[in-house]
PDB file of N, CA and C in Angstrom:
ATOM      1  N   MET A   1     -61.588  28.928 230.403  1.00  0.00           N
ATOM      2  CA  MET A   1     -61.384  30.356 230.385  1.00  0.00           C
ATOM      3  C   MET A   1     -60.924  30.794 231.774  1.00  0.00           C
ATOM      4  N   ALA A   2     -59.898  31.616 231.834  1.00  0.00           N
ATOM      5  CA  ALA A   2     -59.344  32.061 233.112  1.00  0.00           C
ATOM      6  C   ALA A   2     -60.233  33.136 233.738  1.00  0.00           C
ATOM      7  N   GLU A   3     -60.316  33.069 235.052  1.00  0.00           N
ATOM      8  CA  GLU A   3     -61.096  34.076 235.770  1.00  0.00           C
ATOM      9  C   GLU A   3     -60.303  35.372 235.845  1.00  0.00           C
ATOM     10  N   PRO A   4     -61.003  36.506 235.809  1.00  0.00           N
ATOM     11  CA  PRO A   4     -60.276  37.776 235.960  1.00  0.00           C
ATOM     12  C   PRO A   4     -59.694  37.896 237.367  1.00  0.00           C
ATOM     13  N   LYS A   5     -58.532  38.522 237.454  1.00  0.00           N
ATOM     14  CA  LYS A   5     -57.875  38.672 238.745  1.00  0.00           C
ATOM     15  C   LYS A   5     -58.564  39.756 239.562  1.00  0.00           C
ATOM     16  N   GLY A   6     -58.563  39.555 240.861  1.00  0.00           N
ATOM     17  CA  GLY A   6     -59.099  40.566 241.762  1.00  0.00           C
ATOM     18  C   GLY A   6     -58.086  41.688 241.941  1.00  0.00           C
ATOM     19  N   LYS A   7     -58.510  42.740 242.615  1.00  0.00           N
ATOM     20  CA  LYS A   7     -57.619  43.889 242.822  1.00  0.00           C
ATOM     21  C   LYS A   7     -56.412  43.510 243.665  1.00  0.00           C
ATOM     22  N   LEU A   8     -56.621  42.718 244.703  1.00  0.00           N
ATOM     23  CA  LEU A   8     -55.512  42.330 245.570  1.00  0.00           C
ATOM     24  C   LEU A   8     -54.513  41.454 244.817  1.00  0.00           C
ATOM     25  N   GLU A   9     -55.004  40.540 244.013  1.00  0.00           N
ATOM     26  CA  GLU A   9     -54.127  39.669 243.224  1.00  0.00           C
ATOM     27  C   GLU A   9     -53.354  40.484 242.187  1.00  0.00           C
ATOM     28  N   SER A  10     -54.014  41.430 241.550  1.00  0.00           N
ATOM     29  CA  SER A  10     -53.337  42.294 240.574  1.00  0.00           C
ATOM     30  C   SER A  10     -52.265  43.135 241.248  1.00  0.00           C
ATOM     31  N   LEU A  11     -52.570  43.664 242.441  1.00  0.00           N
ATOM     32  CA  LEU A  11     -51.592  44.450 243.179  1.00  0.00           C
ATOM     33  C   LEU A  11     -50.399  43.598 243.580  1.00  0.00           C
ATOM     34  N   ARG A  12     -50.649  42.391 244.041  1.00  0.00           N
ATOM     35  CA  ARG A  12     -49.558  41.488 244.427  1.00  0.00           C
ATOM     36  C   ARG A  12     -48.666  41.168 243.240  1.00  0.00           C
ATOM     37  N   ASP A  13     -49.277  40.921 242.084  1.00  0.00           N
ATOM     38  CA  ASP A  13     -48.491  40.644 240.883  1.00  0.00           C
ATOM     39  C   ASP A  13     -47.646  41.848 240.484  1.00  0.00           C
ATOM     40  N   TRP A  14     -48.231  43.062 240.571  1.00  0.00           N
ATOM     41  CA  TRP A  14     -47.479  44.261 240.210  1.00  0.00           C
ATOM     42  C   TRP A  14     -46.298  44.463 241.152  1.00  0.00           C
ATOM     43  N   VAL A  15     -46.529  44.288 242.458  1.00  0.00           N
ATOM     44  CA  VAL A  15     -45.451  44.441 243.435  1.00  0.00           C
ATOM     45  C   VAL A  15     -44.376  43.388 243.206  1.00  0.00           C
ATOM     46  N   SER A  16     -44.781  42.189 242.854  1.00  0.00           N
ATOM     47  CA  SER A  16     -43.834  41.119 242.578  1.00  0.00           C
ATOM     48  C   SER A  16     -42.952  41.452 241.372  1.00  0.00           C
ATOM     49  N   GLU A  17     -43.530  42.082 240.370  1.00  0.00           N
ATOM     50  CA  GLU A  17     -42.783  42.453 239.164  1.00  0.00           C
ATOM     51  C   GLU A  17     -41.920  43.693 239.374  1.00  0.00           C
ATOM     52  N   HIS A  18     -42.320  44.592 240.262  1.00  0.00           N
ATOM     53  CA  HIS A  18     -41.646  45.881 240.441  1.00  0.00           C
ATOM     54  C   HIS A  18     -41.218  46.081 241.896  1.00  0.00           C
ATOM     55  N   LYS A  19     -40.401  45.193 242.408  1.00  0.00           N
ATOM     56  CA  LYS A  19     -40.006  45.256 243.815  1.00  0.00           C
ATOM     57  C   LYS A  19     -39.240  46.530 244.149  1.00  0.00           C
ATOM     58  N   LEU A  20     -38.258  46.888 243.334  1.00  0.00           N
ATOM     59  CA  LEU A  20     -37.453  48.069 243.637  1.00  0.00           C
ATOM     60  C   LEU A  20     -38.262  49.353 243.508  1.00  0.00           C
ATOM     61  N   ARG A  21     -39.143  49.417 242.540  1.00  0.00           N
ATOM     62  CA  ARG A  21     -40.006  50.589 242.392  1.00  0.00           C
ATOM     63  C   ARG A  21     -40.927  50.717 243.612  1.00  0.00           C
ATOM     64  N   THR A  22     -41.402  49.587 244.123  1.00  0.00           N
ATOM     65  CA  THR A  22     -42.257  49.604 245.310  1.00  0.00           C
ATOM     66  C   THR A  22     -41.488  50.110 246.531  1.00  0.00           C
ATOM     67  N   VAL A  23     -40.261  49.615 246.717  1.00  0.00           N
ATOM     68  CA  VAL A  23     -39.444  50.050 247.847  1.00  0.00           C
ATOM     69  C   VAL A  23     -39.132  51.543 247.731  1.00  0.00           C
ATOM     70  N   GLY A  24     -38.805  51.998 246.532  1.00  0.00           N
ATOM     71  CA  GLY A  24     -38.530  53.422 246.324  1.00  0.00           C
ATOM     72  C   GLY A  24     -39.740  54.294 246.591  1.00  0.00           C
ATOM     73  N   SER A  25     -40.893  53.838 246.165  1.00  0.00           N
ATOM     74  CA  SER A  25     -42.128  54.593 246.417  1.00  0.00           C
ATOM     75  C   SER A  25     -42.442  54.654 247.906  1.00  0.00           C
ATOM     76  N   LEU A  26     -42.234  53.541 248.607  1.00  0.00           N
ATOM     77  CA  LEU A  26     -42.449  53.542 250.054  1.00  0.00           C
ATOM     78  C   LEU A  26     -41.482  54.498 250.747  1.00  0.00           C
ATOM     79  N   TRP A  27     -40.219  54.516 250.276  1.00  0.00           N
ATOM     80  CA  TRP A  27     -39.240  55.413 250.869  1.00  0.00           C
ATOM     81  C   TRP A  27     -39.660  56.867 250.664  1.00  0.00           C
ATOM     82  N   LEU A  28     -40.049  57.199 249.434  1.00  0.00           N
ATOM     83  CA  LEU A  28     -40.435  58.569 249.125  1.00  0.00           C
ATOM     84  C   LEU A  28     -41.665  59.004 249.927  1.00  0.00           C
ATOM     85  N   SER A  29     -42.667  58.145 249.989  1.00  0.00           N
ATOM     86  CA  SER A  29     -43.863  58.495 250.763  1.00  0.00           C
ATOM     87  C   SER A  29     -43.550  58.540 252.257  1.00  0.00           C
ATOM     88  N   GLY A  30     -42.651  57.680 252.713  1.00  0.00           N
ATOM     89  CA  GLY A  30     -42.266  57.683 254.126  1.00  0.00           C
ATOM     90  C   GLY A  30     -41.540  58.949 254.517  1.00  0.00           C
ATOM     91  N   ILE A  31     -40.616  59.388 253.683  1.00  0.00           N
ATOM     92  CA  ILE A  31     -39.879  60.602 254.035  1.00  0.00           C
ATOM     93  C   ILE A  31     -40.786  61.828 253.917  1.00  0.00           C
ATOM     94  N   ALA A  32     -41.685  61.846 252.939  1.00  0.00           N
ATOM     95  CA  ALA A  32     -42.620  62.973 252.799  1.00  0.00           C
ATOM     96  C   ALA A  32     -43.562  63.036 254.004  1.00  0.00           C
ATOM     97  N   GLY A  33     -44.097  61.894 254.404  1.00  0.00           N
ATOM     98  CA  GLY A  33     -44.981  61.857 255.566  1.00  0.00           C
ATOM     99  C   GLY A  33     -44.262  62.231 256.850  1.00  0.00           C
ATOM    100  N   SER A  34     -43.037  61.769 256.985  1.00  0.00           N
ATOM    101  CA  SER A  34     -42.276  62.078 258.190  1.00  0.00           C
ATOM    102  C   SER A  34     -41.895  63.553 258.247  1.00  0.00           C
ATOM    103  N   ILE A  35     -41.521  64.143 257.111  1.00  0.00           N
ATOM    104  CA  ILE A  35     -41.228  65.576 257.088  1.00  0.00           C
ATOM    105  C   ILE A  35     -42.483  66.363 257.440  1.00  0.00           C
ATOM    106  N   ALA A  36     -43.617  65.956 256.890  1.00  0.00           N
ATOM    107  CA  ALA A  36     -44.870  66.655 257.196  1.00  0.00           C
ATOM    108  C   ALA A  36     -45.191  66.563 258.686  1.00  0.00           C
ATOM    109  N   TYR A  37     -44.996  65.399 259.263  1.00  0.00           N
ATOM    110  CA  TYR A  37     -45.270  65.237 260.699  1.00  0.00           C
ATOM    111  C   TYR A  37     -44.293  66.062 261.535  1.00  0.00           C
ATOM    112  N   ASN A  38     -43.005  65.961 261.194  1.00  0.00           N
ATOM    113  CA  ASN A  38     -41.994  66.672 261.983  1.00  0.00           C
ATOM    114  C   ASN A  38     -42.135  68.187 261.868  1.00  0.00           C
ATOM    115  N   TRP A  39     -42.602  68.669 260.738  1.00  0.00           N
ATOM    116  CA  TRP A  39     -42.780  70.116 260.587  1.00  0.00           C
ATOM    117  C   TRP A  39     -43.930  70.629 261.455  1.00  0.00           C
ATOM    118  N   SER A  40     -44.797  69.742 261.880  1.00  0.00           N
ATOM    119  CA  SER A  40     -45.890  70.171 262.765  1.00  0.00           C
ATOM    120  C   SER A  40     -45.434  70.259 264.221  1.00  0.00           C
ATOM    121  N   GLN A  41     -44.235  69.796 264.506  1.00  0.00           N
ATOM    122  CA  GLN A  41     -43.690  69.877 265.865  1.00  0.00           C
ATOM    123  C   GLN A  41     -42.973  71.221 266.025  1.00  0.00           C
ATOM    124  N   PRO A  42     -43.499  72.128 266.846  1.00  0.00           N
ATOM    125  CA  PRO A  42     -42.948  73.487 266.881  1.00  0.00           C
ATOM    126  C   PRO A  42     -41.637  73.633 267.659  1.00  0.00           C
ATOM    127  N   ASN A  43     -41.315  72.736 268.562  1.00  0.00           N
ATOM    128  CA  ASN A  43     -40.154  72.925 269.433  1.00  0.00           C
ATOM    129  C   ASN A  43     -38.906  72.192 268.970  1.00  0.00           C
ATOM    130  N   MET A  44     -38.780  71.925 267.671  1.00  0.00           N
ATOM    131  CA  MET A  44     -37.612  71.221 267.145  1.00  0.00           C
ATOM    132  C   MET A  44     -36.861  72.111 266.169  1.00  0.00           C
ATOM    133  N   LYS A  45     -35.538  71.950 266.167  1.00  0.00           N
ATOM    134  CA  LYS A  45     -34.740  72.655 265.169  1.00  0.00           C
ATOM    135  C   LYS A  45     -34.949  71.971 263.811  1.00  0.00           C
ATOM    136  N   THR A  46     -34.721  72.729 262.736  1.00  0.00           N
ATOM    137  CA  THR A  46     -34.910  72.199 261.381  1.00  0.00           C
ATOM    138  C   THR A  46     -34.012  71.004 261.121  1.00  0.00           C
ATOM    139  N   SER A  47     -32.765  71.065 261.574  1.00  0.00           N
ATOM    140  CA  SER A  47     -31.836  69.954 261.338  1.00  0.00           C
ATOM    141  C   SER A  47     -32.326  68.676 262.022  1.00  0.00           C
ATOM    142  N   VAL A  48     -32.895  68.808 263.204  1.00  0.00           N
ATOM    143  CA  VAL A  48     -33.413  67.639 263.920  1.00  0.00           C
ATOM    144  C   VAL A  48     -34.629  67.066 263.195  1.00  0.00           C
ATOM    145  N   LYS A  49     -35.471  67.940 262.643  1.00  0.00           N
ATOM    146  CA  LYS A  49     -36.636  67.484 261.881  1.00  0.00           C
ATOM    147  C   LYS A  49     -36.204  66.669 260.666  1.00  0.00           C
ATOM    148  N   ILE A  50     -35.187  67.140 259.968  1.00  0.00           N
ATOM    149  CA  ILE A  50     -34.702  66.431 258.772  1.00  0.00           C
ATOM    150  C   ILE A  50     -34.080  65.096 259.162  1.00  0.00           C
ATOM    151  N   ILE A  51     -33.306  65.089 260.240  1.00  0.00           N
ATOM    152  CA  ILE A  51     -32.686  63.835 260.696  1.00  0.00           C
ATOM    153  C   ILE A  51     -33.752  62.824 261.088  1.00  0.00           C
ATOM    154  N   HIS A  52     -34.777  63.258 261.796  1.00  0.00           N
ATOM    155  CA  HIS A  52     -35.862  62.345 262.184  1.00  0.00           C
ATOM    156  C   HIS A  52     -36.593  61.808 260.951  1.00  0.00           C
ATOM    157  N   ALA A  53     -36.839  62.668 259.972  1.00  0.00           N
ATOM    158  CA  ALA A  53     -37.515  62.232 258.751  1.00  0.00           C
ATOM    159  C   ALA A  53     -36.680  61.167 258.036  1.00  0.00           C
ATOM    160  N   ARG A  54     -35.369  61.379 257.977  1.00  0.00           N
ATOM    161  CA  ARG A  54     -34.494  60.400 257.324  1.00  0.00           C
ATOM    162  C   ARG A  54     -34.498  59.071 258.076  1.00  0.00           C
ATOM    163  N   LEU A  55     -34.463  59.130 259.388  1.00  0.00           N
ATOM    164  CA  LEU A  55     -34.470  57.895 260.179  1.00  0.00           C
ATOM    165  C   LEU A  55     -35.784  57.130 260.014  1.00  0.00           C
ATOM    166  N   HIS A  56     -36.900  57.847 259.998  1.00  0.00           N
ATOM    167  CA  HIS A  56     -38.196  57.186 259.796  1.00  0.00           C
ATOM    168  C   HIS A  56     -38.249  56.533 258.417  1.00  0.00           C
ATOM    169  N   ALA A  57     -37.795  57.262 257.399  1.00  0.00           N
ATOM    170  CA  ALA A  57     -37.805  56.710 256.048  1.00  0.00           C
ATOM    171  C   ALA A  57     -36.859  55.518 255.932  1.00  0.00           C
ATOM    172  N   GLN A  58     -35.742  55.573 256.614  1.00  0.00           N
ATOM    173  CA  GLN A  58     -34.796  54.459 256.579  1.00  0.00           C
ATOM    174  C   GLN A  58     -35.406  53.206 257.213  1.00  0.00           C
ATOM    175  N   ALA A  59     -36.091  53.371 258.321  1.00  0.00           N
ATOM    176  CA  ALA A  59     -36.747  52.226 258.970  1.00  0.00           C
ATOM    177  C   ALA A  59     -37.829  51.645 258.068  1.00  0.00           C
ATOM    178  N   LEU A  60     -38.600  52.516 257.416  1.00  0.00           N
ATOM    179  CA  LEU A  60     -39.634  52.047 256.499  1.00  0.00           C
ATOM    180  C   LEU A  60     -39.019  51.302 255.311  1.00  0.00           C
ATOM    181  N   THR A  61     -37.892  51.789 254.820  1.00  0.00           N
ATOM    182  CA  THR A  61     -37.211  51.134 253.703  1.00  0.00           C
ATOM    183  C   THR A  61     -36.715  49.748 254.101  1.00  0.00           C
ATOM    184  N   LEU A  62     -36.149  49.637 255.285  1.00  0.00           N
ATOM    185  CA  LEU A  62     -35.702  48.322 255.754  1.00  0.00           C
ATOM    186  C   LEU A  62     -36.869  47.347 255.860  1.00  0.00           C
ATOM    187  N   ALA A  63     -38.001  47.835 256.344  1.00  0.00           N
ATOM    188  CA  ALA A  63     -39.186  46.978 256.435  1.00  0.00           C
ATOM    189  C   ALA A  63     -39.660  46.573 255.043  1.00  0.00           C
ATOM    190  N   ALA A  64     -39.625  47.507 254.082  1.00  0.00           N
ATOM    191  CA  ALA A  64     -40.048  47.188 252.717  1.00  0.00           C
ATOM    192  C   ALA A  64     -39.092  46.193 252.072  1.00  0.00           C
ATOM    193  N   LEU A  65     -37.795  46.344 252.300  1.00  0.00           N
ATOM    194  CA  LEU A  65     -36.830  45.384 251.759  1.00  0.00           C
ATOM    195  C   LEU A  65     -37.011  44.002 252.377  1.00  0.00           C
ATOM    196  N   ALA A  66     -37.320  43.955 253.666  1.00  0.00           N
ATOM    197  CA  ALA A  66     -37.597  42.662 254.305  1.00  0.00           C
ATOM    198  C   ALA A  66     -38.846  42.035 253.693  1.00  0.00           C
ATOM    199  N   GLY A  67     -39.864  42.850 253.439  1.00  0.00           N
ATOM    200  CA  GLY A  67     -41.070  42.344 252.782  1.00  0.00           C
ATOM    201  C   GLY A  67     -40.776  41.828 251.379  1.00  0.00           C
ATOM    202  N   ALA A  68     -39.936  42.551 250.631  1.00  0.00           N
ATOM    203  CA  ALA A  68     -39.563  42.098 249.291  1.00  0.00           C
ATOM    204  C   ALA A  68     -38.795  40.781 249.354  1.00  0.00           C
ATOM    205  N   ALA A  69     -37.963  40.622 250.377  1.00  0.00           N
ATOM    206  CA  ALA A  69     -37.234  39.366 250.547  1.00  0.00           C
ATOM    207  C   ALA A  69     -38.198  38.212 250.841  1.00  0.00           C
ATOM    208  N   VAL A  70     -39.214  38.470 251.634  1.00  0.00           N
ATOM    209  CA  VAL A  70     -40.216  37.432 251.932  1.00  0.00           C
ATOM    210  C   VAL A  70     -40.969  37.044 250.657  1.00  0.00           C
ATOM    211  N   VAL A  71     -41.337  38.039 249.847  1.00  0.00           N
ATOM    212  CA  VAL A  71     -42.025  37.752 248.582  1.00  0.00           C
ATOM    213  C   VAL A  71     -41.117  36.934 247.663  1.00  0.00           C
ATOM    214  N   GLU A  72     -39.850  37.316 247.586  1.00  0.00           N
ATOM    215  CA  GLU A  72     -38.886  36.584 246.749  1.00  0.00           C
ATOM    216  C   GLU A  72     -38.744  35.141 247.233  1.00  0.00           C
ATOM    217  N   TYR A  73     -38.663  34.935 248.536  1.00  0.00           N
ATOM    218  CA  TYR A  73     -38.551  33.599 249.105  1.00  0.00           C
ATOM    219  C   TYR A  73     -39.797  32.765 248.781  1.00  0.00           C
ATOM    220  N   TYR A  74     -40.972  33.384 248.944  1.00  0.00           N
ATOM    221  CA  TYR A  74     -42.226  32.687 248.654  1.00  0.00           C
ATOM    222  C   TYR A  74     -42.292  32.284 247.179  1.00  0.00           C
ATOM    223  N   GLU A  75     -41.908  33.209 246.285  1.00  0.00           N
ATOM    224  CA  GLU A  75     -41.927  32.892 244.855  1.00  0.00           C
ATOM    225  C   GLU A  75     -40.948  31.772 244.522  1.00  0.00           C
ATOM    226  N   HIS A  76     -39.808  31.791 245.165  1.00  0.00           N
ATOM    227  CA  HIS A  76     -38.813  30.743 244.920  1.00  0.00           C
ATOM    228  C   HIS A  76     -39.325  29.384 245.396  1.00  0.00           C
ATOM    229  N   LYS A  77     -39.939  29.351 246.574  1.00  0.00           N
ATOM    230  CA  LYS A  77     -40.450  28.085 247.114  1.00  0.00           C
ATOM    231  C   LYS A  77     -41.655  27.560 246.341  1.00  0.00           C
ATOM    232  N   SER A  78     -42.524  28.462 245.872  1.00  0.00           N
ATOM    233  CA  SER A  78     -43.739  28.023 245.185  1.00  0.00           C
ATOM    234  C   SER A  78     -43.502  27.685 243.718  1.00  0.00           C
ATOM    235  N   GLY A  79     -42.374  28.128 243.178  1.00  0.00           N
ATOM    236  CA  GLY A  79     -42.087  27.863 241.773  1.00  0.00           C
ATOM    237  C   GLY A  79     -42.703  28.876 240.835  1.00  0.00           C
ATOM    238  N   ALA A  80     -43.322  29.914 241.351  1.00  0.00           N
ATOM    239  CA  ALA A  80     -43.965  30.927 240.511  1.00  0.00           C
ATOM    240  C   ALA A  80     -42.945  31.668 239.672  1.00  0.00           C
ATOM    241  N   LYS A  81     -41.767  31.889 240.223  1.00  0.00           N
ATOM    242  CA  LYS A  81     -40.731  32.611 239.484  1.00  0.00           C
ATOM    243  C   LYS A  81     -40.244  31.776 238.305  1.00  0.00           C
ATOM    244  N   ALA A  82     -40.085  30.488 238.503  1.00  0.00           N
ATOM    245  CA  ALA A  82     -39.633  29.623 237.415  1.00  0.00           C
ATOM    246  C   ALA A  82     -40.652  29.590 236.286  1.00  0.00           C
ATOM    247  N   GLU A  83     -41.929  29.579 236.642  1.00  0.00           N
ATOM    248  CA  GLU A  83     -42.979  29.590 235.618  1.00  0.00           C
ATOM    249  C   GLU A  83     -42.988  30.898 234.842  1.00  0.00           C
ATOM    250  N   ARG A  84     -42.715  32.009 235.531  1.00  0.00           N
ATOM    251  CA  ARG A  84     -42.727  33.319 234.888  1.00  0.00           C
ATOM    252  C   ARG A  84     -41.605  33.442 233.855  1.00  0.00           C
ATOM    253  N   TYR A  85     -40.433  32.860 234.163  1.00  0.00           N
ATOM    254  CA  TYR A  85     -39.297  32.983 233.259  1.00  0.00           C
ATOM    255  C   TYR A  85     -39.151  31.813 232.295  1.00  0.00           C
ATOM    256  N   ALA A  86     -39.993  30.814 232.414  1.00  0.00           N
ATOM    257  CA  ALA A  86     -39.878  29.636 231.558  1.00  0.00           C
ATOM    258  C   ALA A  86     -40.073  29.967 230.083  1.00  0.00           C
ATOM    259  N   LYS A  87     -40.882  30.958 229.781  1.00  0.00           N
ATOM    260  CA  LYS A  87     -41.134  31.288 228.381  1.00  0.00           C
ATOM    261  C   LYS A  87     -39.911  31.888 227.702  1.00  0.00           C
ATOM    262  N   PHE A  88     -38.924  32.341 228.462  1.00  0.00           N
ATOM    263  CA  PHE A  88     -37.718  32.918 227.880  1.00  0.00           C
ATOM    264  C   PHE A  88     -36.597  31.899 227.701  1.00  0.00           C
ATOM    265  N   LEU A  89     -36.746  30.718 228.272  1.00  0.00           N
ATOM    266  CA  LEU A  89     -35.700  29.704 228.220  1.00  0.00           C
ATOM    267  C   LEU A  89     -36.017  28.647 227.169  1.00  0.00           C
ATOM    268  N   PRO A  90     -34.989  28.195 226.430  1.00  0.00           N
ATOM    269  CA  PRO A  90     -35.217  27.080 225.502  1.00  0.00           C
ATOM    270  C   PRO A  90     -35.554  25.813 226.293  1.00  0.00           C
ATOM    271  N   ILE A  91     -36.557  25.109 225.873  1.00  0.00           N
ATOM    272  CA  ILE A  91     -37.040  23.950 226.627  1.00  0.00           C
ATOM    273  C   ILE A  91     -36.029  22.804 226.627  1.00  0.00           C
ATOM    274  N   ASP A  92     -35.376  22.539 225.508  1.00  0.00           N
ATOM    275  CA  ASP A  92     -34.483  21.394 225.388  1.00  0.00           C
ATOM    276  C   ASP A  92     -33.222  21.522 226.265  1.00  0.00           C
ATOM    277  N   ASN A  93     -32.676  22.691 226.372  1.00  0.00           N
ATOM    278  CA  ASN A  93     -31.393  22.855 227.067  1.00  0.00           C
ATOM    279  C   ASN A  93     -31.528  22.890 228.588  1.00  0.00           C
ATOM    280  N   TYR A  94     -32.664  23.283 229.123  1.00  0.00           N
ATOM    281  CA  TYR A  94     -32.783  23.492 230.554  1.00  0.00           C
ATOM    282  C   TYR A  94     -33.843  22.617 231.206  1.00  0.00           C
ATOM    283  N   SER A  95     -34.027  21.437 230.689  1.00  0.00           N
ATOM    284  CA  SER A  95     -35.021  20.546 231.268  1.00  0.00           C
ATOM    285  C   SER A  95     -34.442  19.895 232.518  1.00  0.00           C
ATOM    286  N   HIS A  96     -35.071  20.095 233.666  1.00  0.00           N
ATOM    287  CA  HIS A  96     -34.599  19.525 234.918  1.00  0.00           C
ATOM    288  C   HIS A  96     -35.555  18.484 235.489  1.00  0.00           C
ATOM    289  N   LYS A  97     -36.514  18.065 234.690  1.00  0.00           N
ATOM    290  CA  LYS A  97     -37.524  17.116 235.186  1.00  0.00           C
ATOM    291  C   LYS A  97     -37.181  15.673 234.814  1.00  0.00           C
ATOM    292  N   GLU A  98     -35.959  15.394 234.551  1.00  0.00           N
ATOM    293  CA  GLU A  98     -35.582  14.036 234.133  1.00  0.00           C
ATOM    294  C   GLU A  98     -35.371  13.139 235.307  1.00  0.00           C
TER     295      GLU A  98
END
C-alpha cells in the first residue's frame, strides 16, 4: 500500500504538472506586491511606480522560469517524466530497453 504524500511532495507534484500556471501566478503576485510597495513611496511619479512594478515582476518571472527549467531538467534526468507519460504510449512500438 502506498504511503500518502506529504504537503511538500503534493505541492511539488502540482507545480511540476502546472509549470506555466505557477509562473503566471508568481508574475501576478509579484506585480501586485510591487505595485503595493511602490504606492507606499510618496516621492515617486505614478509612471515611475508602474515601471518599477513591471521591472520587479519581470525579474521574478525570469527567476520562476529558471526554476521551471531546473525542475524540467531534474525530471528529465530522473526519468520521472517518462514514467508519467508511459501510460499514454503503446508499449510495443516504443520499447527502448532492448
